[in-house]
C-alpha cells in the first residue's frame, strides 16, 4: 500500500512538472511568435512603403500634364454695374477646361562649349551656312542647328550628317502639357484659348516654312509674307491680352502669356533685319526664331507648372 501511494505521488509530481513545462513552452512560443510576427510585419511594411514610394516617384516622373487655374475678371468685378437684365455682369462668367498638349522639339546639336566666346564664333559660321546657330545655355553653351517636332525627322538628319562626317547629337526641348481651368466671361475664355492655340500653331508653322524655303518650294517673298501675317495676328492677340491684364493685378499666367507674345513679335521682326533677299540668311533666321520661340514657350509653361 505504501509503495502504491508513493508511486501515485510520483506520477502526480511528474504530471505537474510536465504540465508546468508545457505551459512555459506555450508561453515562450506565443511570446516568440508575437515578437517574430511584429518583426516580420515591420519588414513587410517597410518593404511595401519603399515599393509604394518608388512607384510614386516613377509615376510623378511620367506625368507631364499639370492642373492649374486662370481667372480673368471683368472691370465690373471691381465696381459692379447692373446689366440690362438686372444682374451683375460678373454672374455671366463661365468656367471651361483648356487642355494644352505637350510640345516637344528635337534639335540638332553640333557642339557643346564651355566658353561662350567659342560658341558664338561657331554660331556665326553655322549661320553663314544656313543653320540656326542658336546657343542654348544649359550648363554648356549648346550650339543648335535646327529643330524638329518629330524625333524621327531629327534622327534622319543626324544620320545624314554622320554620312557626311559631321558629328551631332539630338537635344530635346520637352514642354509639358497643362490642364487649365479658365474662369471668365465667355468671350474672354474664347480669346485666351485662341491665344494658346495660335502660339503653338504659328510656331510649328515656322518649321514647314523653313523646309519649303530650303527646298525652293516657296520664295523668299512668300516666306516674308507668311511671317508678316504671323506678326499681324500676334499683334492683334497681344492687344487683347493687354486689355485683360489691365483689369487686374499680378496674374502670372496672363502676364506671362502677354510677355510671350511680345517677345515673339520682337523675334519675328528680327528676321527682317539685314538682307531680306538672301535665302540662306532668311532661312537661318527663321530656324533661329523657331528654336527661340519653342524654348521661350517651355520657360513659360514651366513657370505655370512650377518646374
C-alpha atoms as a PDB file:
ATOM      1  CA  UNK A   1       0.000   0.000   0.000  1.00  0.00           C
ATOM      2  CA  UNK A   2       2.757   2.429   0.822  1.00  0.00           C
ATOM      3  CA  UNK A   3       4.538   1.655  -2.410  1.00  0.00           C
ATOM      4  CA  UNK A   4       1.365   2.193  -4.388  1.00  0.00           C
ATOM      5  CA  UNK A   5       0.747   5.563  -2.722  1.00  0.00           C
ATOM      6  CA  UNK A   6       4.330   6.666  -3.352  1.00  0.00           C
ATOM      7  CA  UNK A   7       4.037   5.688  -6.972  1.00  0.00           C
ATOM      8  CA  UNK A   8       0.863   7.716  -7.383  1.00  0.00           C
ATOM      9  CA  UNK A   9       2.559  10.737  -5.744  1.00  0.00           C
ATOM     10  CA  UNK A  10       5.476  10.470  -8.178  1.00  0.00           C
ATOM     11  CA  UNK A  11       3.074  10.270 -11.099  1.00  0.00           C
ATOM     12  CA  UNK A  12       1.231  13.358  -9.883  1.00  0.00           C
ATOM     13  CA  UNK A  13       4.511  15.207  -9.430  1.00  0.00           C
ATOM     14  CA  UNK A  14       5.650  14.159 -12.925  1.00  0.00           C
ATOM     15  CA  UNK A  15       2.348  15.216 -14.411  1.00  0.00           C
ATOM     16  CA  UNK A  16       2.538  18.581 -12.640  1.00  0.00           C
ATOM     17  CA  UNK A  17       6.094  19.158 -13.867  1.00  0.00           C
ATOM     18  CA  UNK A  18       5.108  18.125 -17.400  1.00  0.00           C
ATOM     19  CA  UNK A  19       2.080  20.406 -17.327  1.00  0.00           C
ATOM     20  CA  UNK A  20       4.152  23.282 -15.972  1.00  0.00           C
ATOM     21  CA  UNK A  21       6.770  22.720 -18.644  1.00  0.00           C
ATOM     22  CA  UNK A  22       4.115  22.649 -21.315  1.00  0.00           C
ATOM     23  CA  UNK A  23       2.650  25.897 -20.051  1.00  0.00           C
ATOM     24  CA  UNK A  24       6.099  27.517 -20.005  1.00  0.00           C
ATOM     25  CA  UNK A  25       6.753  26.264 -23.541  1.00  0.00           C
ATOM     26  CA  UNK A  26       3.457  27.673 -24.759  1.00  0.00           C
ATOM     27  CA  UNK A  27       4.169  30.987 -23.083  1.00  0.00           C
ATOM     28  CA  UNK A  28       7.632  31.204 -24.648  1.00  0.00           C
ATOM     29  CA  UNK A  29       6.269  30.092 -28.032  1.00  0.00           C
ATOM     30  CA  UNK A  30       3.452  32.596 -28.034  1.00  0.00           C
ATOM     31  CA  UNK A  31       5.761  35.399 -26.920  1.00  0.00           C
ATOM     32  CA  UNK A  32       8.361  34.469 -29.522  1.00  0.00           C
ATOM     33  CA  UNK A  33       5.741  34.159 -32.224  1.00  0.00           C
ATOM     34  CA  UNK A  34       4.374  37.562 -31.328  1.00  0.00           C
ATOM     35  CA  UNK A  35       7.833  39.146 -31.427  1.00  0.00           C
ATOM     36  CA  UNK A  36       8.662  37.428 -34.687  1.00  0.00           C
ATOM     37  CA  UNK A  37       5.318  38.465 -36.084  1.00  0.00           C
ATOM     38  CA  UNK A  38       5.963  42.094 -35.155  1.00  0.00           C
ATOM     39  CA  UNK A  39       9.449  41.927 -36.656  1.00  0.00           C
ATOM     40  CA  UNK A  40       8.226  40.426 -39.926  1.00  0.00           C
ATOM     41  CA  UNK A  41       5.368  42.895 -40.015  1.00  0.00           C
ATOM     42  CA  UNK A  42       7.821  45.796 -39.758  1.00  0.00           C
ATOM     43  CA  UNK A  43       9.935  44.365 -42.562  1.00  0.00           C
ATOM     44  CA  UNK A  44       6.937  43.845 -44.840  1.00  0.00           C
ATOM     45  CA  UNK A  45       5.527  47.281 -44.032  1.00  0.00           C
ATOM     46  CA  UNK A  46       8.891  48.884 -44.726  1.00  0.00           C
ATOM     47  CA  UNK A  47       9.220  46.988 -47.989  1.00  0.00           C
ATOM     48  CA  UNK A  48       5.730  47.899 -49.118  1.00  0.00           C
ATOM     49  CA  UNK A  49       6.329  51.502 -48.148  1.00  0.00           C
ATOM     50  CA  UNK A  50       9.560  51.623 -50.150  1.00  0.00           C
ATOM     51  CA  UNK A  51       7.854  49.954 -53.083  1.00  0.00           C
ATOM     52  CA  UNK A  52       4.984  52.418 -52.959  1.00  0.00           C
ATOM     53  CA  UNK A  53       7.357  55.374 -52.765  1.00  0.00           C
ATOM     54  CA  UNK A  54       9.351  54.064 -55.699  1.00  0.00           C
ATOM     55  CA  UNK A  55       6.252  53.628 -57.817  1.00  0.00           C
ATOM     56  CA  UNK A  56       5.016  57.044 -56.825  1.00  0.00           C
ATOM     57  CA  UNK A  57       8.287  58.574 -57.940  1.00  0.00           C
ATOM     58  CA  UNK A  58       8.104  56.810 -61.273  1.00  0.00           C
ATOM     59  CA  UNK A  59       4.505  57.909 -61.786  1.00  0.00           C
ATOM     60  CA  UNK A  60       5.388  61.507 -60.955  1.00  0.00           C
ATOM     61  CA  UNK A  61       8.244  61.411 -63.438  1.00  0.00           C
ATOM     62  CA  UNK A  62       5.979  60.178 -66.220  1.00  0.00           C
ATOM     63  CA  UNK A  63       3.194  62.687 -65.580  1.00  0.00           C
ATOM     64  CA  UNK A  64       3.568  65.569 -67.966  1.00  0.00           C
ATOM     65  CA  UNK A  65       0.191  67.226 -67.555  1.00  0.00           C
ATOM     66  CA  UNK A  66      -0.405  69.622 -64.673  1.00  0.00           C
ATOM     67  CA  UNK A  67      -3.630  71.154 -63.416  1.00  0.00           C
ATOM     68  CA  UNK A  68      -3.813  74.906 -62.919  1.00  0.00           C
ATOM     69  CA  UNK A  69      -6.364  77.699 -62.905  1.00  0.00           C
ATOM     70  CA  UNK A  70      -6.737  81.074 -64.584  1.00  0.00           C
ATOM     71  CA  UNK A  71      -9.383  83.638 -63.650  1.00  0.00           C
ATOM     72  CA  UNK A  72      -9.830  86.705 -65.830  1.00  0.00           C
ATOM     73  CA  UNK A  73     -12.020  89.218 -64.003  1.00  0.00           C
ATOM     74  CA  UNK A  74     -14.031  91.917 -65.753  1.00  0.00           C
ATOM     75  CA  UNK A  75     -13.802  95.572 -64.844  1.00  0.00           C
ATOM     76  CA  UNK A  76     -17.278  95.123 -63.478  1.00  0.00           C
ATOM     77  CA  UNK A  77     -15.827  92.792 -60.850  1.00  0.00           C
ATOM     78  CA  UNK A  78     -14.089  95.793 -59.293  1.00  0.00           C
ATOM     79  CA  UNK A  79     -17.111  98.127 -59.476  1.00  0.00           C
ATOM     80  CA  UNK A  80     -20.095  96.001 -60.489  1.00  0.00           C
ATOM     81  CA  UNK A  81     -22.738  97.602 -62.684  1.00  0.00           C
ATOM     82  CA  UNK A  82     -26.181  96.299 -63.232  1.00  0.00           C
ATOM     83  CA  UNK A  83     -26.741  94.523 -66.518  1.00  0.00           C
ATOM     84  CA  UNK A  84     -29.865  95.200 -68.640  1.00  0.00           C
ATOM     85  CA  UNK A  85     -31.437  92.128 -67.084  1.00  0.00           C
ATOM     86  CA  UNK A  86     -30.911  93.471 -63.616  1.00  0.00           C
ATOM     87  CA  UNK A  87     -27.989  91.188 -62.729  1.00  0.00           C
ATOM     88  CA  UNK A  88     -24.306  91.827 -62.298  1.00  0.00           C
ATOM     89  CA  UNK A  89     -22.098  91.184 -65.345  1.00  0.00           C
ATOM     90  CA  UNK A  90     -19.810  89.048 -63.148  1.00  0.00           C
ATOM     91  CA  UNK A  91     -22.600  86.492 -62.904  1.00  0.00           C
ATOM     92  CA  UNK A  92     -22.208  85.832 -66.609  1.00  0.00           C
ATOM     93  CA  UNK A  93     -18.830  84.206 -66.139  1.00  0.00           C
ATOM     94  CA  UNK A  94     -18.240  80.654 -67.278  1.00  0.00           C
ATOM     95  CA  UNK A  95     -15.628  78.074 -66.373  1.00  0.00           C
ATOM     96  CA  UNK A  96     -14.174  75.957 -69.140  1.00  0.00           C
ATOM     97  CA  UNK A  97     -11.341  73.478 -69.466  1.00  0.00           C
ATOM     98  CA  UNK A  98      -8.313  74.104 -71.689  1.00  0.00           C
ATOM     99  CA  UNK A  99      -6.136  71.068 -72.361  1.00  0.00           C
ATOM    100  CA  UNK A 100      -2.742  72.103 -73.688  1.00  0.00           C
ATOM    101  CA  UNK A 101      -0.905  69.127 -75.153  1.00  0.00           C
ATOM    102  CA  UNK A 102       2.838  68.545 -74.606  1.00  0.00           C
ATOM    103  CA  UNK A 103       5.052  70.093 -77.265  1.00  0.00           C
ATOM    104  CA  UNK A 104       8.483  68.622 -77.905  1.00  0.00           C
ATOM    105  CA  UNK A 105      11.273  69.905 -80.115  1.00  0.00           C
ATOM    106  CA  UNK A 106      14.213  67.726 -81.134  1.00  0.00           C
ATOM    107  CA  UNK A 107      17.122  69.939 -82.055  1.00  0.00           C
ATOM    108  CA  UNK A 108      20.293  69.037 -83.925  1.00  0.00           C
ATOM    109  CA  UNK A 109      23.210  69.916 -81.663  1.00  0.00           C
ATOM    110  CA  UNK A 110      26.556  70.406 -83.383  1.00  0.00           C
ATOM    111  CA  UNK A 111      28.622  71.218 -80.329  1.00  0.00           C
ATOM    112  CA  UNK A 112      28.677  71.940 -76.610  1.00  0.00           C
ATOM    113  CA  UNK A 113      31.157  74.562 -75.443  1.00  0.00           C
ATOM    114  CA  UNK A 114      32.412  75.635 -72.045  1.00  0.00           C
ATOM    115  CA  UNK A 115      33.330  79.024 -73.494  1.00  0.00           C
ATOM    116  CA  UNK A 116      30.586  81.377 -74.677  1.00  0.00           C
ATOM    117  CA  UNK A 117      33.007  83.147 -76.986  1.00  0.00           C
ATOM    118  CA  UNK A 118      33.908  79.912 -78.788  1.00  0.00           C
ATOM    119  CA  UNK A 119      30.226  79.036 -79.089  1.00  0.00           C
ATOM    120  CA  UNK A 120      29.479  82.421 -80.643  1.00  0.00           C
ATOM    121  CA  UNK A 121      32.253  82.014 -83.203  1.00  0.00           C
ATOM    122  CA  UNK A 122      30.917  78.598 -84.193  1.00  0.00           C
ATOM    123  CA  UNK A 123      27.362  80.001 -84.294  1.00  0.00           C
ATOM    124  CA  UNK A 124      28.310  82.722 -86.764  1.00  0.00           C
ATOM    125  CA  UNK A 125      29.981  80.164 -89.014  1.00  0.00           C
ATOM    126  CA  UNK A 126      26.906  77.954 -88.876  1.00  0.00           C
ATOM    127  CA  UNK A 127      24.529  80.831 -89.609  1.00  0.00           C
ATOM    128  CA  UNK A 128      26.553  81.729 -92.699  1.00  0.00           C
ATOM    129  CA  UNK A 129      25.777  78.218 -93.977  1.00  0.00           C
ATOM    130  CA  UNK A 130      22.046  78.492 -93.257  1.00  0.00           C
ATOM    131  CA  UNK A 131      21.902  76.874 -89.820  1.00  0.00           C
ATOM    132  CA  UNK A 132      20.148  78.404 -86.814  1.00  0.00           C
ATOM    133  CA  UNK A 133      23.313  78.956 -84.804  1.00  0.00           C
ATOM    134  CA  UNK A 134      21.173  79.086 -81.680  1.00  0.00           C
ATOM    135  CA  UNK A 135      23.123  78.970 -78.415  1.00  0.00           C
ATOM    136  CA  UNK A 136      21.282  77.395 -75.507  1.00  0.00           C
ATOM    137  CA  UNK A 137      22.960  77.796 -72.137  1.00  0.00           C
ATOM    138  CA  UNK A 138      22.319  74.567 -70.242  1.00  0.00           C
ATOM    139  CA  UNK A 139      25.471  74.000 -68.172  1.00  0.00           C
ATOM    140  CA  UNK A 140      27.208  74.074 -71.545  1.00  0.00           C
ATOM    141  CA  UNK A 141      26.761  76.510 -74.411  1.00  0.00           C
ATOM    142  CA  UNK A 142      24.971  74.194 -76.812  1.00  0.00           C
ATOM    143  CA  UNK A 143      25.067  75.048 -80.500  1.00  0.00           C
ATOM    144  CA  UNK A 144      21.801  74.097 -82.207  1.00  0.00           C
ATOM    145  CA  UNK A 145      21.401  73.983 -85.991  1.00  0.00           C
ATOM    146  CA  UNK A 146      17.695  73.229 -86.431  1.00  0.00           C
ATOM    147  CA  UNK A 147      14.720  71.846 -84.526  1.00  0.00           C
ATOM    148  CA  UNK A 148      12.088  69.278 -85.474  1.00  0.00           C
ATOM    149  CA  UNK A 149       8.725  68.470 -83.928  1.00  0.00           C
ATOM    150  CA  UNK A 150       9.273  64.848 -84.984  1.00  0.00           C
ATOM    151  CA  UNK A 151      12.037  62.845 -83.334  1.00  0.00           C
ATOM    152  CA  UNK A 152      12.153  60.620 -86.421  1.00  0.00           C
ATOM    153  CA  UNK A 153      12.900  63.648 -88.627  1.00  0.00           C
ATOM    154  CA  UNK A 154      15.686  64.745 -86.301  1.00  0.00           C
ATOM    155  CA  UNK A 155      17.150  61.231 -86.330  1.00  0.00           C
ATOM    156  CA  UNK A 156      17.167  61.166 -90.138  1.00  0.00           C
ATOM    157  CA  UNK A 157      19.071  64.443 -90.256  1.00  0.00           C
ATOM    158  CA  UNK A 158      21.523  63.174 -87.666  1.00  0.00           C
ATOM    159  CA  UNK A 159      22.175  60.039 -89.736  1.00  0.00           C
ATOM    160  CA  UNK A 160      22.657  62.106 -92.873  1.00  0.00           C
ATOM    161  CA  UNK A 161      25.192  64.309 -91.102  1.00  0.00           C
ATOM    162  CA  UNK A 162      27.061  61.201 -89.950  1.00  0.00           C
ATOM    163  CA  UNK A 163      27.352  60.063 -93.565  1.00  0.00           C
ATOM    164  CA  UNK A 164      28.931  63.433 -94.335  1.00  0.00           C
ATOM    165  CA  UNK A 165      31.380  63.020 -91.479  1.00  0.00           C
ATOM    166  CA  UNK A 166      29.675  65.554 -89.207  1.00  0.00           C
ATOM    167  CA  UNK A 167      29.120  64.528 -85.599  1.00  0.00           C
ATOM    168  CA  UNK A 168      25.899  65.683 -83.973  1.00  0.00           C
ATOM    169  CA  UNK A 169      23.577  64.956 -81.087  1.00  0.00           C
ATOM    170  CA  UNK A 170      19.835  65.324 -80.602  1.00  0.00           C
ATOM    171  CA  UNK A 171      18.975  67.800 -77.863  1.00  0.00           C
ATOM    172  CA  UNK A 172      15.375  67.540 -76.688  1.00  0.00           C
ATOM    173  CA  UNK A 173      13.369  70.561 -75.575  1.00  0.00           C
ATOM    174  CA  UNK A 174      10.403  68.966 -73.815  1.00  0.00           C
ATOM    175  CA  UNK A 175       7.426  71.151 -72.958  1.00  0.00           C
ATOM    176  CA  UNK A 176       4.903  69.578 -70.553  1.00  0.00           C
ATOM    177  CA  UNK A 177       1.170  69.748 -71.140  1.00  0.00           C
ATOM    178  CA  UNK A 178      -1.220  71.683 -68.929  1.00  0.00           C
ATOM    179  CA  UNK A 179      -4.860  71.148 -67.992  1.00  0.00           C
ATOM    180  CA  UNK A 180      -6.031  74.672 -67.347  1.00  0.00           C
ATOM    181  CA  UNK A 181      -9.354  75.758 -65.880  1.00  0.00           C
ATOM    182  CA  UNK A 182     -10.336  79.206 -67.141  1.00  0.00           C
ATOM    183  CA  UNK A 183     -12.971  81.318 -65.424  1.00  0.00           C
ATOM    184  CA  UNK A 184     -14.065  84.465 -67.254  1.00  0.00           C
ATOM    185  CA  UNK A 185     -16.764  85.829 -69.485  1.00  0.00           C
ATOM    186  CA  UNK A 186     -17.412  83.596 -72.499  1.00  0.00           C
ATOM    187  CA  UNK A 187     -15.695  85.912 -74.972  1.00  0.00           C
ATOM    188  CA  UNK A 188     -12.546  86.162 -72.822  1.00  0.00           C
ATOM    189  CA  UNK A 189     -12.385  82.400 -72.327  1.00  0.00           C
ATOM    190  CA  UNK A 190     -12.534  82.023 -76.100  1.00  0.00           C
ATOM    191  CA  UNK A 191      -9.809  84.642 -76.581  1.00  0.00           C
ATOM    192  CA  UNK A 192      -7.435  83.050 -74.070  1.00  0.00           C
ATOM    193  CA  UNK A 193      -7.936  79.624 -75.611  1.00  0.00           C
ATOM    194  CA  UNK A 194      -7.281  81.106 -79.036  1.00  0.00           C
ATOM    195  CA  UNK A 195      -4.099  82.784 -77.771  1.00  0.00           C
ATOM    196  CA  UNK A 196      -2.632  79.470 -76.608  1.00  0.00           C
ATOM    197  CA  UNK A 197      -3.583  77.546 -79.754  1.00  0.00           C
ATOM    198  CA  UNK A 198      -2.398  80.327 -82.073  1.00  0.00           C
ATOM    199  CA  UNK A 199       1.023  80.464 -80.448  1.00  0.00           C
ATOM    200  CA  UNK A 200       1.542  76.733 -80.879  1.00  0.00           C
ATOM    201  CA  UNK A 201       0.168  76.608 -84.432  1.00  0.00           C
ATOM    202  CA  UNK A 202       2.144  79.608 -85.682  1.00  0.00           C
ATOM    203  CA  UNK A 203       5.327  78.391 -84.024  1.00  0.00           C
ATOM    204  CA  UNK A 204       5.032  74.936 -85.586  1.00  0.00           C
ATOM    205  CA  UNK A 205       4.337  76.548 -88.968  1.00  0.00           C
ATOM    206  CA  UNK A 206       7.861  78.001 -88.944  1.00  0.00           C
ATOM    207  CA  UNK A 207       9.298  74.502 -89.367  1.00  0.00           C
ATOM    208  CA  UNK A 208       7.272  73.895 -92.519  1.00  0.00           C
ATOM    209  CA  UNK A 209       8.211  77.341 -93.791  1.00  0.00           C
ATOM    210  CA  UNK A 210      11.913  76.565 -93.397  1.00  0.00           C
ATOM    211  CA  UNK A 211      11.579  73.200 -95.147  1.00  0.00           C
ATOM    212  CA  UNK A 212       9.752  74.785 -98.072  1.00  0.00           C
ATOM    213  CA  UNK A 213      12.232  77.650 -98.253  1.00  0.00           C
ATOM    214  CA  UNK A 214      15.265  75.340 -98.242  1.00  0.00           C
ATOM    215  CA  UNK A 215      13.781  73.157-100.990  1.00  0.00           C
ATOM    216  CA  UNK A 216      12.729  76.217-103.047  1.00  0.00           C
ATOM    217  CA  UNK A 217       9.075  75.193-102.728  1.00  0.00           C
ATOM    218  CA  UNK A 218       8.392  78.805-101.709  1.00  0.00           C
ATOM    219  CA  UNK A 219      10.228  82.021-102.466  1.00  0.00           C
ATOM    220  CA  UNK A 220      11.840  84.402-100.003  1.00  0.00           C
ATOM    221  CA  UNK A 221       8.960  86.783-100.693  1.00  0.00           C
ATOM    222  CA  UNK A 222       6.447  84.066 -99.805  1.00  0.00           C
ATOM    223  CA  UNK A 223       8.259  83.420 -96.534  1.00  0.00           C
ATOM    224  CA  UNK A 224       8.316  87.132 -95.806  1.00  0.00           C
ATOM    225  CA  UNK A 225       4.558  87.435 -96.350  1.00  0.00           C
ATOM    226  CA  UNK A 226       3.929  84.453 -94.080  1.00  0.00           C
ATOM    227  CA  UNK A 227       5.989  85.975 -91.291  1.00  0.00           C
ATOM    228  CA  UNK A 228       4.297  89.351 -91.684  1.00  0.00           C
ATOM    229  CA  UNK A 229       0.913  87.659 -91.404  1.00  0.00           C
ATOM    230  CA  UNK A 230       2.017  85.944 -88.203  1.00  0.00           C
ATOM    231  CA  UNK A 231       3.250  89.247 -86.757  1.00  0.00           C
ATOM    232  CA  UNK A 232      -0.113  90.838 -87.562  1.00  0.00           C
ATOM    233  CA  UNK A 233      -2.013  88.019 -85.837  1.00  0.00           C
ATOM    234  CA  UNK A 234       0.302  88.188 -82.830  1.00  0.00           C
ATOM    235  CA  UNK A 235      -0.142  91.961 -82.519  1.00  0.00           C
ATOM    236  CA  UNK A 236      -3.915  91.603 -82.509  1.00  0.00           C
ATOM    237  CA  UNK A 237      -3.795  88.917 -79.821  1.00  0.00           C
ATOM    238  CA  UNK A 238      -1.315  90.919 -77.752  1.00  0.00           C
ATOM    239  CA  UNK A 239      -3.653  93.921 -77.676  1.00  0.00           C
ATOM    240  CA  UNK A 240      -6.432  91.714 -76.317  1.00  0.00           C
ATOM    241  CA  UNK A 241      -4.160  90.276 -73.640  1.00  0.00           C
ATOM    242  CA  UNK A 242      -3.038  93.746 -72.607  1.00  0.00           C
ATOM    243  CA  UNK A 243      -6.659  94.797 -72.194  1.00  0.00           C
ATOM    244  CA  UNK A 244      -7.347  91.791 -69.975  1.00  0.00           C
ATOM    245  CA  UNK A 245      -4.239  92.356 -67.881  1.00  0.00           C
ATOM    246  CA  UNK A 246      -5.248  95.978 -67.294  1.00  0.00           C
ATOM    247  CA  UNK A 247      -8.280  94.826 -65.280  1.00  0.00           C
ATOM    248  CA  UNK A 248      -6.304  93.027 -62.595  1.00  0.00           C
ATOM    249  CA  UNK A 249      -3.007  92.886 -60.759  1.00  0.00           C
ATOM    250  CA  UNK A 250      -0.245  90.281 -60.956  1.00  0.00           C
ATOM    251  CA  UNK A 251      -1.861  87.340 -62.726  1.00  0.00           C
ATOM    252  CA  UNK A 252       1.298  85.445 -63.658  1.00  0.00           C
ATOM    253  CA  UNK A 253      -0.384  83.221 -66.258  1.00  0.00           C
ATOM    254  CA  UNK A 254      -1.902  86.105 -68.181  1.00  0.00           C
ATOM    255  CA  UNK A 255       1.133  88.359 -67.731  1.00  0.00           C
ATOM    256  CA  UNK A 256       3.431  85.558 -68.884  1.00  0.00           C
ATOM    257  CA  UNK A 257       1.322  84.921 -71.976  1.00  0.00           C
ATOM    258  CA  UNK A 258       1.431  88.609 -72.794  1.00  0.00           C
ATOM    259  CA  UNK A 259       5.220  88.675 -72.450  1.00  0.00           C
ATOM    260  CA  UNK A 260       5.485  85.526 -74.582  1.00  0.00           C
ATOM    261  CA  UNK A 261       3.662  87.272 -77.431  1.00  0.00           C
ATOM    262  CA  UNK A 262       5.674  90.461 -77.008  1.00  0.00           C
ATOM    263  CA  UNK A 263       8.990  88.582 -77.256  1.00  0.00           C
ATOM    264  CA  UNK A 264       7.659  86.524 -80.157  1.00  0.00           C
ATOM    265  CA  UNK A 265       6.820  89.646 -82.145  1.00  0.00           C
ATOM    266  CA  UNK A 266      10.291  91.042 -81.471  1.00  0.00           C
ATOM    267  CA  UNK A 267      11.911  87.795 -82.642  1.00  0.00           C
ATOM    268  CA  UNK A 268       9.822  87.642 -85.815  1.00  0.00           C
ATOM    269  CA  UNK A 269      10.595  91.279 -86.638  1.00  0.00           C
ATOM    270  CA  UNK A 270      14.273  90.478 -86.182  1.00  0.00           C
ATOM    271  CA  UNK A 271      14.111  88.128 -89.164  1.00  0.00           C
ATOM    272  CA  UNK A 272      13.831  91.160 -91.456  1.00  0.00           C
ATOM    273  CA  UNK A 273      16.974  92.813 -90.104  1.00  0.00           C
ATOM    274  CA  UNK A 274      19.755  92.919 -92.711  1.00  0.00           C
ATOM    275  CA  UNK A 275      19.488  91.471 -96.200  1.00  0.00           C
ATOM    276  CA  UNK A 276      15.942  90.144 -96.538  1.00  0.00           C
ATOM    277  CA  UNK A 277      16.560  88.893-100.086  1.00  0.00           C
ATOM    278  CA  UNK A 278      19.249  86.365 -99.128  1.00  0.00           C
ATOM    279  CA  UNK A 279      17.572  82.951 -98.974  1.00  0.00           C
ATOM    280  CA  UNK A 280      20.306  81.413 -96.796  1.00  0.00           C
ATOM    281  CA  UNK A 281      20.271  84.310 -94.348  1.00  0.00           C
ATOM    282  CA  UNK A 282      16.469  84.325 -94.054  1.00  0.00           C
ATOM    283  CA  UNK A 283      16.398  80.547 -93.600  1.00  0.00           C
ATOM    284  CA  UNK A 284      18.983  80.786 -90.824  1.00  0.00           C
ATOM    285  CA  UNK A 285      16.991  83.479 -89.019  1.00  0.00           C
ATOM    286  CA  UNK A 286      13.720  81.568 -89.250  1.00  0.00           C
ATOM    287  CA  UNK A 287      15.397  78.453 -87.845  1.00  0.00           C
ATOM    288  CA  UNK A 288      16.857  80.523 -85.026  1.00  0.00           C
ATOM    289  CA  UNK A 289      13.483  82.124 -84.266  1.00  0.00           C
ATOM    290  CA  UNK A 290      11.741  78.755 -84.338  1.00  0.00           C
ATOM    291  CA  UNK A 291      14.005  77.293 -81.659  1.00  0.00           C
ATOM    292  CA  UNK A 292      13.889  80.502 -79.637  1.00  0.00           C
ATOM    293  CA  UNK A 293      10.080  80.629 -79.625  1.00  0.00           C
ATOM    294  CA  UNK A 294       9.807  76.997 -78.539  1.00  0.00           C
ATOM    295  CA  UNK A 295      12.342  77.498 -75.764  1.00  0.00           C
ATOM    296  CA  UNK A 296      10.572  80.637 -74.520  1.00  0.00           C
ATOM    297  CA  UNK A 297       7.304  78.724 -74.576  1.00  0.00           C
ATOM    298  CA  UNK A 298       8.892  75.979 -72.478  1.00  0.00           C
ATOM    299  CA  UNK A 299      10.073  78.520 -69.916  1.00  0.00           C
ATOM    300  CA  UNK A 300       6.578  79.990 -69.762  1.00  0.00           C
ATOM    301  CA  UNK A 301       4.852  76.617 -69.279  1.00  0.00           C
ATOM    302  CA  UNK A 302       7.450  75.654 -66.674  1.00  0.00           C
ATOM    303  CA  UNK A 303       6.601  78.831 -64.771  1.00  0.00           C
ATOM    304  CA  UNK A 304       2.931  77.787 -64.767  1.00  0.00           C
ATOM    305  CA  UNK A 305       3.600  74.230 -63.627  1.00  0.00           C
ATOM    306  CA  UNK A 306       6.141  75.361 -61.044  1.00  0.00           C
ATOM    307  CA  UNK A 307       9.106  73.466 -62.507  1.00  0.00           C
END
